[in-house]
């Protein structure tokens, strides 16, 4: 650790990184939040208010990456600012260029990890818990109201918070080797792990949902015709929605949201009809 920057400075920057999108805007994106997070670093490095103000202005420029992984770019910027304050030949363009060079792959790797895999996985685990926990007896509180959202938050933050609190120090340590820093994070490998976990959770959710959607009573215990009549209102909307979704996925591979809405609409229409 450098004599100029202290661990407490890096920790304060880590805590400020939670607000990196608080002033998100089209012109600078996360630039204002990035500058806000860098203030503890700049206060330590620059005693002269004019130098400190100039340093802050260059970190208020356009910046955009995944909000959780932005901490690594903050650490890289802290390393470069420390070298510049020590008199090394680090120019403003080098600081800005290195930040952008790190931000792009962090965004490309962070979005699939957090938005595409981890967040849906956390939601699926909460839904599985909702289906597994029996409903309360009349008059008793429903613990699922608290427990299921808590499972979602804990699952997501169990992965996100370690990045938040260690990323600045790690980016500062490896700031002179940004390519090695990105490789050491193993973000693609972790995305693959969460994809498999999400597929398993989705399968569990479908099984539990189907068991809860089955016909009530013993309607399906008689003749085969009675069993078909009992299950038809349950399975028909699901089958139609799946068919529409499969056909739409092949016809419109780049429109997953529109295809999903069409499949949902088809299922609702069939459910009302049967």
C-alpha atoms as a PDB file:
ATOM      1  CA  UNK A   1       0.000   0.000   0.000  1.00  0.00           C
ATOM      2  CA  UNK A   2       1.280   3.427  -0.913  1.00  0.00           C
ATOM      3  CA  UNK A   3       2.202   5.984   1.748  1.00  0.00           C
ATOM      4  CA  UNK A   4      -0.033   8.476  -0.045  1.00  0.00           C
ATOM      5  CA  UNK A   5      -3.260   6.527  -0.288  1.00  0.00           C
ATOM      6  CA  UNK A   6      -4.574   4.673   2.740  1.00  0.00           C
ATOM      7  CA  UNK A   7      -6.892   1.725   2.982  1.00  0.00           C
ATOM      8  CA  UNK A   8      -9.482   3.977   4.574  1.00  0.00           C
ATOM      9  CA  UNK A   9      -9.481   6.153   1.437  1.00  0.00           C
ATOM     10  CA  UNK A  10     -10.164   3.145  -0.762  1.00  0.00           C
ATOM     11  CA  UNK A  11     -12.882   1.931   1.596  1.00  0.00           C
ATOM     12  CA  UNK A  12     -14.651   5.304   1.553  1.00  0.00           C
ATOM     13  CA  UNK A  13     -14.539   5.232  -2.232  1.00  0.00           C
ATOM     14  CA  UNK A  14     -16.087   1.748  -2.115  1.00  0.00           C
ATOM     15  CA  UNK A  15     -18.992   2.970   0.007  1.00  0.00           C
ATOM     16  CA  UNK A  16     -19.536   5.936  -2.310  1.00  0.00           C
ATOM     17  CA  UNK A  17     -19.681   3.605  -5.310  1.00  0.00           C
ATOM     18  CA  UNK A  18     -23.214   2.606  -4.266  1.00  0.00           C
ATOM     19  CA  UNK A  19     -24.350   6.049  -5.486  1.00  0.00           C
ATOM     20  CA  UNK A  20     -22.586   5.869  -8.849  1.00  0.00           C
ATOM     21  CA  UNK A  21     -25.929   5.912 -10.696  1.00  0.00           C
ATOM     22  CA  UNK A  22     -27.695   8.377  -8.400  1.00  0.00           C
ATOM     23  CA  UNK A  23     -27.200  11.215 -10.931  1.00  0.00           C
ATOM     24  CA  UNK A  24     -27.311   9.112 -14.102  1.00  0.00           C
ATOM     25  CA  UNK A  25     -27.878  11.293 -17.167  1.00  0.00           C
ATOM     26  CA  UNK A  26     -27.550  10.867 -20.958  1.00  0.00           C
ATOM     27  CA  UNK A  27     -24.742  13.413 -21.340  1.00  0.00           C
ATOM     28  CA  UNK A  28     -22.303  11.958 -18.794  1.00  0.00           C
ATOM     29  CA  UNK A  29     -24.018   8.713 -17.780  1.00  0.00           C
ATOM     30  CA  UNK A  30     -22.248   7.694 -14.528  1.00  0.00           C
ATOM     31  CA  UNK A  31     -19.699  10.529 -14.701  1.00  0.00           C
ATOM     32  CA  UNK A  32     -21.117  12.542 -11.818  1.00  0.00           C
ATOM     33  CA  UNK A  33     -21.340   9.459  -9.619  1.00  0.00           C
ATOM     34  CA  UNK A  34     -17.800   8.455 -10.556  1.00  0.00           C
ATOM     35  CA  UNK A  35     -16.492  11.880  -9.552  1.00  0.00           C
ATOM     36  CA  UNK A  36     -18.407  11.722  -6.276  1.00  0.00           C
ATOM     37  CA  UNK A  37     -16.835   8.339  -5.468  1.00  0.00           C
ATOM     38  CA  UNK A  38     -13.342   9.647  -6.265  1.00  0.00           C
ATOM     39  CA  UNK A  39     -13.506  12.555  -3.793  1.00  0.00           C
ATOM     40  CA  UNK A  40     -11.810  10.700  -0.863  1.00  0.00           C
ATOM     41  CA  UNK A  41      -8.944   9.748  -3.189  1.00  0.00           C
ATOM     42  CA  UNK A  42      -8.512  13.276  -4.515  1.00  0.00           C
ATOM     43  CA  UNK A  43      -8.651  14.818  -1.054  1.00  0.00           C
ATOM     44  CA  UNK A  44      -5.780  12.607   0.048  1.00  0.00           C
ATOM     45  CA  UNK A  45      -3.630  13.187  -3.041  1.00  0.00           C
ATOM     46  CA  UNK A  46      -4.057  16.891  -3.725  1.00  0.00           C
ATOM     47  CA  UNK A  47      -3.642  19.443  -0.949  1.00  0.00           C
ATOM     48  CA  UNK A  48      -3.994  22.375  -3.344  1.00  0.00           C
ATOM     49  CA  UNK A  49      -7.722  23.126  -3.959  1.00  0.00           C
ATOM     50  CA  UNK A  50      -7.030  24.122  -7.554  1.00  0.00           C
ATOM     51  CA  UNK A  51      -5.313  20.802  -8.355  1.00  0.00           C
ATOM     52  CA  UNK A  52      -8.022  18.904  -6.530  1.00  0.00           C
ATOM     53  CA  UNK A  53     -10.729  20.718  -8.481  1.00  0.00           C
ATOM     54  CA  UNK A  54      -8.994  20.034 -11.794  1.00  0.00           C
ATOM     55  CA  UNK A  55      -8.693  16.341 -10.894  1.00  0.00           C
ATOM     56  CA  UNK A  56     -12.369  16.185  -9.953  1.00  0.00           C
ATOM     57  CA  UNK A  57     -13.427  17.809 -13.226  1.00  0.00           C
ATOM     58  CA  UNK A  58     -11.678  15.149 -15.310  1.00  0.00           C
ATOM     59  CA  UNK A  59     -13.550  12.422 -13.428  1.00  0.00           C
ATOM     60  CA  UNK A  60     -16.911  14.104 -14.026  1.00  0.00           C
ATOM     61  CA  UNK A  61     -16.653  13.385 -17.757  1.00  0.00           C
ATOM     62  CA  UNK A  62     -18.604  10.682 -19.570  1.00  0.00           C
ATOM     63  CA  UNK A  63     -18.269   7.242 -17.996  1.00  0.00           C
ATOM     64  CA  UNK A  64     -20.454   4.135 -18.346  1.00  0.00           C
ATOM     65  CA  UNK A  65     -20.034   0.562 -17.225  1.00  0.00           C
ATOM     66  CA  UNK A  66     -21.846  -1.974 -15.074  1.00  0.00           C
ATOM     67  CA  UNK A  67     -22.628  -0.245 -11.744  1.00  0.00           C
ATOM     68  CA  UNK A  68     -21.372  -3.119  -9.572  1.00  0.00           C
ATOM     69  CA  UNK A  69     -18.109  -3.576 -11.468  1.00  0.00           C
ATOM     70  CA  UNK A  70     -17.423   0.164 -11.693  1.00  0.00           C
ATOM     71  CA  UNK A  71     -15.409  -0.250  -8.485  1.00  0.00           C
ATOM     72  CA  UNK A  72     -12.536  -1.774 -10.458  1.00  0.00           C
ATOM     73  CA  UNK A  73     -12.375   1.294 -12.703  1.00  0.00           C
ATOM     74  CA  UNK A  74     -12.362   3.468  -9.574  1.00  0.00           C
ATOM     75  CA  UNK A  75      -9.364   1.537  -8.256  1.00  0.00           C
ATOM     76  CA  UNK A  76      -7.530   1.858 -11.566  1.00  0.00           C
ATOM     77  CA  UNK A  77      -8.220   5.606 -11.602  1.00  0.00           C
ATOM     78  CA  UNK A  78      -6.969   5.894  -8.007  1.00  0.00           C
ATOM     79  CA  UNK A  79      -3.671   4.252  -8.972  1.00  0.00           C
ATOM     80  CA  UNK A  80      -3.180   6.597 -11.924  1.00  0.00           C
ATOM     81  CA  UNK A  81      -4.056   9.676  -9.861  1.00  0.00           C
ATOM     82  CA  UNK A  82      -1.554   8.628  -7.213  1.00  0.00           C
ATOM     83  CA  UNK A  83       1.175   8.294  -9.806  1.00  0.00           C
ATOM     84  CA  UNK A  84       0.291  11.677 -11.307  1.00  0.00           C
ATOM     85  CA  UNK A  85       0.294  13.343  -7.875  1.00  0.00           C
ATOM     86  CA  UNK A  86       3.723  11.831  -7.187  1.00  0.00           C
ATOM     87  CA  UNK A  87       5.103  13.596 -10.255  1.00  0.00           C
ATOM     88  CA  UNK A  88       5.144  10.730 -12.719  1.00  0.00           C
ATOM     89  CA  UNK A  89       4.386  11.549 -16.375  1.00  0.00           C
ATOM     90  CA  UNK A  90       0.714  10.542 -16.313  1.00  0.00           C
ATOM     91  CA  UNK A  91      -1.388  12.880 -18.456  1.00  0.00           C
ATOM     92  CA  UNK A  92      -5.143  13.436 -18.276  1.00  0.00           C
ATOM     93  CA  UNK A  93      -5.726  11.658 -21.582  1.00  0.00           C
ATOM     94  CA  UNK A  94      -4.035   8.530 -20.213  1.00  0.00           C
ATOM     95  CA  UNK A  95      -6.287   8.506 -17.150  1.00  0.00           C
ATOM     96  CA  UNK A  96      -9.449   8.972 -19.193  1.00  0.00           C
ATOM     97  CA  UNK A  97      -8.368   6.464 -21.849  1.00  0.00           C
ATOM     98  CA  UNK A  98      -7.513   3.781 -19.284  1.00  0.00           C
ATOM     99  CA  UNK A  99     -10.844   4.275 -17.516  1.00  0.00           C
ATOM    100  CA  UNK A 100     -12.740   3.828 -20.774  1.00  0.00           C
ATOM    101  CA  UNK A 101     -10.616   0.844 -21.801  1.00  0.00           C
ATOM    102  CA  UNK A 102     -11.501  -0.903 -18.531  1.00  0.00           C
ATOM    103  CA  UNK A 103     -15.152   0.206 -18.513  1.00  0.00           C
ATOM    104  CA  UNK A 104     -16.074  -1.388 -21.844  1.00  0.00           C
ATOM    105  CA  UNK A 105     -15.157  -5.013 -21.024  1.00  0.00           C
ATOM    106  CA  UNK A 106     -16.534  -4.616 -17.492  1.00  0.00           C
ATOM    107  CA  UNK A 107     -19.885  -3.642 -18.988  1.00  0.00           C
ATOM    108  CA  UNK A 108     -19.745  -6.458 -21.540  1.00  0.00           C
ATOM    109  CA  UNK A 109     -18.999  -9.040 -18.844  1.00  0.00           C
ATOM    110  CA  UNK A 110     -21.057  -7.537 -16.031  1.00  0.00           C
ATOM    111  CA  UNK A 111     -24.398  -7.320 -17.836  1.00  0.00           C
ATOM    112  CA  UNK A 112     -24.580 -11.060 -18.634  1.00  0.00           C
ATOM    113  CA  UNK A 113     -23.429 -11.940 -15.123  1.00  0.00           C
ATOM    114  CA  UNK A 114     -25.711  -9.706 -13.074  1.00  0.00           C
ATOM    115  CA  UNK A 115     -28.665  -8.733 -15.254  1.00  0.00           C
ATOM    116  CA  UNK A 116     -29.086 -11.808 -17.469  1.00  0.00           C
ATOM    117  CA  UNK A 117     -28.221 -14.642 -15.055  1.00  0.00           C
ATOM    118  CA  UNK A 118     -27.898 -13.631 -11.396  1.00  0.00           C
ATOM    119  CA  UNK A 119     -30.948 -11.409 -11.091  1.00  0.00           C
ATOM    120  CA  UNK A 120     -33.341 -13.948 -12.699  1.00  0.00           C
ATOM    121  CA  UNK A 121     -31.754 -16.697 -10.586  1.00  0.00           C
ATOM    122  CA  UNK A 122     -32.421 -14.723  -7.405  1.00  0.00           C
ATOM    123  CA  UNK A 123     -36.036 -14.203  -8.450  1.00  0.00           C
ATOM    124  CA  UNK A 124     -36.493 -17.876  -9.297  1.00  0.00           C
ATOM    125  CA  UNK A 125     -35.145 -18.955  -5.907  1.00  0.00           C
ATOM    126  CA  UNK A 126     -37.636 -16.623  -4.237  1.00  0.00           C
ATOM    127  CA  UNK A 127     -40.473 -18.117  -6.309  1.00  0.00           C
ATOM    128  CA  UNK A 128     -39.369 -21.664  -5.504  1.00  0.00           C
ATOM    129  CA  UNK A 129     -39.389 -20.773  -1.810  1.00  0.00           C
ATOM    130  CA  UNK A 130     -42.870 -19.293  -2.240  1.00  0.00           C
ATOM    131  CA  UNK A 131     -44.146 -22.588  -3.659  1.00  0.00           C
ATOM    132  CA  UNK A 132     -42.315 -24.773  -1.130  1.00  0.00           C
ATOM    133  CA  UNK A 133     -43.393 -22.941   2.020  1.00  0.00           C
ATOM    134  CA  UNK A 134     -46.944 -23.957   2.973  1.00  0.00           C
ATOM    135  CA  UNK A 135     -49.498 -21.162   3.296  1.00  0.00           C
ATOM    136  CA  UNK A 136     -50.258 -20.021   6.843  1.00  0.00           C
ATOM    137  CA  UNK A 137     -53.159 -21.267   8.894  1.00  0.00           C
ATOM    138  CA  UNK A 138     -56.043 -18.817   9.086  1.00  0.00           C
ATOM    139  CA  UNK A 139     -55.223 -16.041  11.506  1.00  0.00           C
ATOM    140  CA  UNK A 140     -51.430 -16.527  11.428  1.00  0.00           C
ATOM    141  CA  UNK A 141     -49.019 -14.146   9.666  1.00  0.00           C
ATOM    142  CA  UNK A 142     -47.726 -15.151   6.248  1.00  0.00           C
ATOM    143  CA  UNK A 143     -43.922 -15.384   6.633  1.00  0.00           C
ATOM    144  CA  UNK A 144     -43.553 -15.691   2.860  1.00  0.00           C
ATOM    145  CA  UNK A 145     -44.247 -11.966   2.513  1.00  0.00           C
ATOM    146  CA  UNK A 146     -40.922 -11.269   4.225  1.00  0.00           C
ATOM    147  CA  UNK A 147     -38.924 -14.417   3.546  1.00  0.00           C
ATOM    148  CA  UNK A 148     -39.246 -14.560  -0.265  1.00  0.00           C
ATOM    149  CA  UNK A 149     -38.099 -10.960  -0.940  1.00  0.00           C
ATOM    150  CA  UNK A 150     -35.320 -11.540   1.591  1.00  0.00           C
ATOM    151  CA  UNK A 151     -34.132 -14.615  -0.335  1.00  0.00           C
ATOM    152  CA  UNK A 152     -34.035 -12.551  -3.540  1.00  0.00           C
ATOM    153  CA  UNK A 153     -32.036  -9.733  -1.936  1.00  0.00           C
ATOM    154  CA  UNK A 154     -29.617 -12.046  -0.133  1.00  0.00           C
ATOM    155  CA  UNK A 155     -28.953 -14.158  -3.234  1.00  0.00           C
ATOM    156  CA  UNK A 156     -28.153 -11.154  -5.414  1.00  0.00           C
ATOM    157  CA  UNK A 157     -26.119  -9.271  -2.833  1.00  0.00           C
ATOM    158  CA  UNK A 158     -24.159 -12.349  -1.761  1.00  0.00           C
ATOM    159  CA  UNK A 159     -22.461 -12.010  -5.154  1.00  0.00           C
ATOM    160  CA  UNK A 160     -22.610  -8.238  -5.684  1.00  0.00           C
ATOM    161  CA  UNK A 161     -21.429  -6.961  -2.291  1.00  0.00           C
ATOM    162  CA  UNK A 162     -18.022  -8.717  -2.294  1.00  0.00           C
ATOM    163  CA  UNK A 163     -17.293  -6.980  -5.604  1.00  0.00           C
ATOM    164  CA  UNK A 164     -18.482  -3.672  -4.186  1.00  0.00           C
ATOM    165  CA  UNK A 165     -16.256  -3.778  -1.118  1.00  0.00           C
ATOM    166  CA  UNK A 166     -13.096  -5.342  -2.566  1.00  0.00           C
ATOM    167  CA  UNK A 167     -13.078  -4.048  -6.136  1.00  0.00           C
ATOM    168  CA  UNK A 168     -11.566  -0.620  -5.473  1.00  0.00           C
ATOM    169  CA  UNK A 169      -8.597  -2.073  -3.582  1.00  0.00           C
ATOM    170  CA  UNK A 170      -8.126  -4.767  -6.216  1.00  0.00           C
ATOM    171  CA  UNK A 171      -8.290  -2.260  -9.071  1.00  0.00           C
ATOM    172  CA  UNK A 172      -5.799  -0.054  -7.240  1.00  0.00           C
ATOM    173  CA  UNK A 173      -3.426  -2.984  -6.714  1.00  0.00           C
ATOM    174  CA  UNK A 174      -3.524  -4.108 -10.356  1.00  0.00           C
ATOM    175  CA  UNK A 175      -4.169  -0.702 -11.900  1.00  0.00           C
ATOM    176  CA  UNK A 176      -0.943  -0.794 -13.894  1.00  0.00           C
ATOM    177  CA  UNK A 177      -1.997  -4.119 -15.456  1.00  0.00           C
ATOM    178  CA  UNK A 178      -5.669  -3.650 -16.457  1.00  0.00           C
ATOM    179  CA  UNK A 179      -5.698  -6.596 -18.868  1.00  0.00           C
ATOM    180  CA  UNK A 180      -4.412  -8.953 -16.170  1.00  0.00           C
ATOM    181  CA  UNK A 181      -6.967  -7.500 -13.769  1.00  0.00           C
ATOM    182  CA  UNK A 182      -9.865  -8.297 -16.106  1.00  0.00           C
ATOM    183  CA  UNK A 183      -8.627 -11.850 -16.718  1.00  0.00           C
ATOM    184  CA  UNK A 184      -8.254 -12.492 -12.992  1.00  0.00           C
ATOM    185  CA  UNK A 185     -11.923 -11.747 -12.313  1.00  0.00           C
ATOM    186  CA  UNK A 186     -13.134 -14.896 -14.168  1.00  0.00           C
ATOM    187  CA  UNK A 187     -16.470 -13.224 -14.906  1.00  0.00           C
ATOM    188  CA  UNK A 188     -17.303 -15.441 -17.910  1.00  0.00           C
ATOM    189  CA  UNK A 189     -16.755 -18.600 -15.876  1.00  0.00           C
ATOM    190  CA  UNK A 190     -19.013 -17.351 -13.089  1.00  0.00           C
ATOM    191  CA  UNK A 191     -21.675 -16.415 -15.606  1.00  0.00           C
ATOM    192  CA  UNK A 192     -21.666 -19.993 -16.906  1.00  0.00           C
ATOM    193  CA  UNK A 193     -22.077 -21.337 -13.359  1.00  0.00           C
ATOM    194  CA  UNK A 194     -25.049 -19.070 -12.663  1.00  0.00           C
ATOM    195  CA  UNK A 195     -26.602 -19.999 -16.016  1.00  0.00           C
ATOM    196  CA  UNK A 196     -26.596 -23.665 -15.030  1.00  0.00           C
ATOM    197  CA  UNK A 197     -27.945 -22.851 -11.576  1.00  0.00           C
ATOM    198  CA  UNK A 198     -30.671 -20.710 -13.158  1.00  0.00           C
ATOM    199  CA  UNK A 199     -31.688 -23.529 -15.506  1.00  0.00           C
ATOM    200  CA  UNK A 200     -31.970 -25.908 -12.552  1.00  0.00           C
ATOM    201  CA  UNK A 201     -33.994 -23.362 -10.551  1.00  0.00           C
ATOM    202  CA  UNK A 202     -36.300 -22.746 -13.511  1.00  0.00           C
ATOM    203  CA  UNK A 203     -36.910 -26.479 -13.883  1.00  0.00           C
ATOM    204  CA  UNK A 204     -37.721 -26.760 -10.180  1.00  0.00           C
ATOM    205  CA  UNK A 205     -40.077 -23.814 -10.451  1.00  0.00           C
ATOM    206  CA  UNK A 206     -41.944 -25.354 -13.406  1.00  0.00           C
ATOM    207  CA  UNK A 207     -42.374 -28.660 -11.588  1.00  0.00           C
ATOM    208  CA  UNK A 208     -43.661 -26.962  -8.444  1.00  0.00           C
ATOM    209  CA  UNK A 209     -45.910 -24.624 -10.407  1.00  0.00           C
ATOM    210  CA  UNK A 210     -47.410 -27.515 -12.404  1.00  0.00           C
ATOM    211  CA  UNK A 211     -48.086 -29.470  -9.222  1.00  0.00           C
ATOM    212  CA  UNK A 212     -49.902 -26.474  -7.745  1.00  0.00           C
ATOM    213  CA  UNK A 213     -51.863 -25.810 -10.940  1.00  0.00           C
ATOM    214  CA  UNK A 214     -53.265 -29.346 -11.147  1.00  0.00           C
ATOM    215  CA  UNK A 215     -57.007 -29.986 -10.973  1.00  0.00           C
ATOM    216  CA  UNK A 216     -58.416 -29.979  -7.470  1.00  0.00           C
ATOM    217  CA  UNK A 217     -59.966 -32.943  -5.805  1.00  0.00           C
ATOM    218  CA  UNK A 218     -60.077 -36.346  -7.479  1.00  0.00           C
ATOM    219  CA  UNK A 219     -61.354 -35.137 -10.833  1.00  0.00           C
ATOM    220  CA  UNK A 220     -58.659 -37.062 -12.642  1.00  0.00           C
ATOM    221  CA  UNK A 221     -59.129 -40.378 -10.815  1.00  0.00           C
ATOM    222  CA  UNK A 222     -61.977 -41.704 -12.959  1.00  0.00           C
ATOM    223  CA  UNK A 223     -62.169 -42.555 -16.644  1.00  0.00           C
ATOM    224  CA  UNK A 224     -59.498 -41.257 -19.035  1.00  0.00           C
ATOM    225  CA  UNK A 225     -62.034 -38.848 -20.542  1.00  0.00           C
ATOM    226  CA  UNK A 226     -62.658 -37.362 -17.106  1.00  0.00           C
ATOM    227  CA  UNK A 227     -58.936 -36.970 -16.498  1.00  0.00           C
ATOM    228  CA  UNK A 228     -58.500 -35.176 -19.838  1.00  0.00           C
ATOM    229  CA  UNK A 229     -61.419 -32.870 -19.092  1.00  0.00           C
ATOM    230  CA  UNK A 230     -59.970 -32.050 -15.666  1.00  0.00           C
ATOM    231  CA  UNK A 231     -56.462 -31.264 -16.926  1.00  0.00           C
ATOM    232  CA  UNK A 232     -57.423 -29.417 -20.114  1.00  0.00           C
ATOM    233  CA  UNK A 233     -58.048 -26.004 -18.462  1.00  0.00           C
ATOM    234  CA  UNK A 234     -54.632 -26.277 -16.801  1.00  0.00           C
ATOM    235  CA  UNK A 235     -52.472 -27.521 -19.651  1.00  0.00           C
ATOM    236  CA  UNK A 236     -54.076 -25.856 -22.676  1.00  0.00           C
ATOM    237  CA  UNK A 237     -52.943 -22.267 -21.874  1.00  0.00           C
ATOM    238  CA  UNK A 238     -49.447 -23.480 -21.033  1.00  0.00           C
ATOM    239  CA  UNK A 239     -49.135 -25.508 -24.234  1.00  0.00           C
ATOM    240  CA  UNK A 240     -50.455 -22.697 -26.417  1.00  0.00           C
ATOM    241  CA  UNK A 241     -48.141 -20.157 -24.809  1.00  0.00           C
ATOM    242  CA  UNK A 242     -45.179 -22.507 -25.272  1.00  0.00           C
ATOM    243  CA  UNK A 243     -46.069 -23.075 -28.936  1.00  0.00           C
ATOM    244  CA  UNK A 244     -46.384 -19.343 -29.623  1.00  0.00           C
ATOM    245  CA  UNK A 245     -43.114 -18.684 -27.803  1.00  0.00           C
ATOM    246  CA  UNK A 246     -41.250 -21.380 -29.753  1.00  0.00           C
ATOM    247  CA  UNK A 247     -42.587 -20.172 -33.098  1.00  0.00           C
ATOM    248  CA  UNK A 248     -41.872 -16.539 -32.235  1.00  0.00           C
ATOM    249  CA  UNK A 249     -38.336 -17.346 -31.119  1.00  0.00           C
ATOM    250  CA  UNK A 250     -37.578 -18.842 -34.523  1.00  0.00           C
ATOM    251  CA  UNK A 251     -39.331 -16.080 -36.476  1.00  0.00           C
ATOM    252  CA  UNK A 252     -38.091 -13.140 -34.387  1.00  0.00           C
ATOM    253  CA  UNK A 253     -34.809 -14.192 -32.745  1.00  0.00           C
ATOM    254  CA  UNK A 254     -33.935 -10.610 -31.777  1.00  0.00           C
ATOM    255  CA  UNK A 255     -37.243  -9.771 -30.099  1.00  0.00           C
ATOM    256  CA  UNK A 256     -37.436 -11.842 -26.874  1.00  0.00           C
ATOM    257  CA  UNK A 257     -39.628  -9.334 -25.018  1.00  0.00           C
ATOM    258  CA  UNK A 258     -42.224  -9.113 -27.797  1.00  0.00           C
ATOM    259  CA  UNK A 259     -42.246 -12.899 -28.194  1.00  0.00           C
ATOM    260  CA  UNK A 260     -42.703 -13.401 -24.448  1.00  0.00           C
ATOM    261  CA  UNK A 261     -45.614 -10.951 -24.354  1.00  0.00           C
ATOM    262  CA  UNK A 262     -47.246 -12.684 -27.326  1.00  0.00           C
ATOM    263  CA  UNK A 263     -46.890 -16.080 -25.619  1.00  0.00           C
ATOM    264  CA  UNK A 264     -48.348 -14.674 -22.398  1.00  0.00           C
ATOM    265  CA  UNK A 265     -51.269 -13.107 -24.274  1.00  0.00           C
ATOM    266  CA  UNK A 266     -51.974 -16.379 -26.088  1.00  0.00           C
ATOM    267  CA  UNK A 267     -51.970 -18.273 -22.805  1.00  0.00           C
ATOM    268  CA  UNK A 268     -54.353 -15.761 -21.190  1.00  0.00           C
ATOM    269  CA  UNK A 269     -56.754 -15.956 -24.141  1.00  0.00           C
ATOM    270  CA  UNK A 270     -56.761 -19.736 -24.011  1.00  0.00           C
ATOM    271  CA  UNK A 271     -57.257 -19.699 -20.225  1.00  0.00           C
ATOM    272  CA  UNK A 272     -60.319 -17.439 -20.616  1.00  0.00           C
ATOM    273  CA  UNK A 273     -61.681 -19.590 -23.425  1.00  0.00           C
ATOM    274  CA  UNK A 274     -61.389 -22.962 -21.682  1.00  0.00           C
END
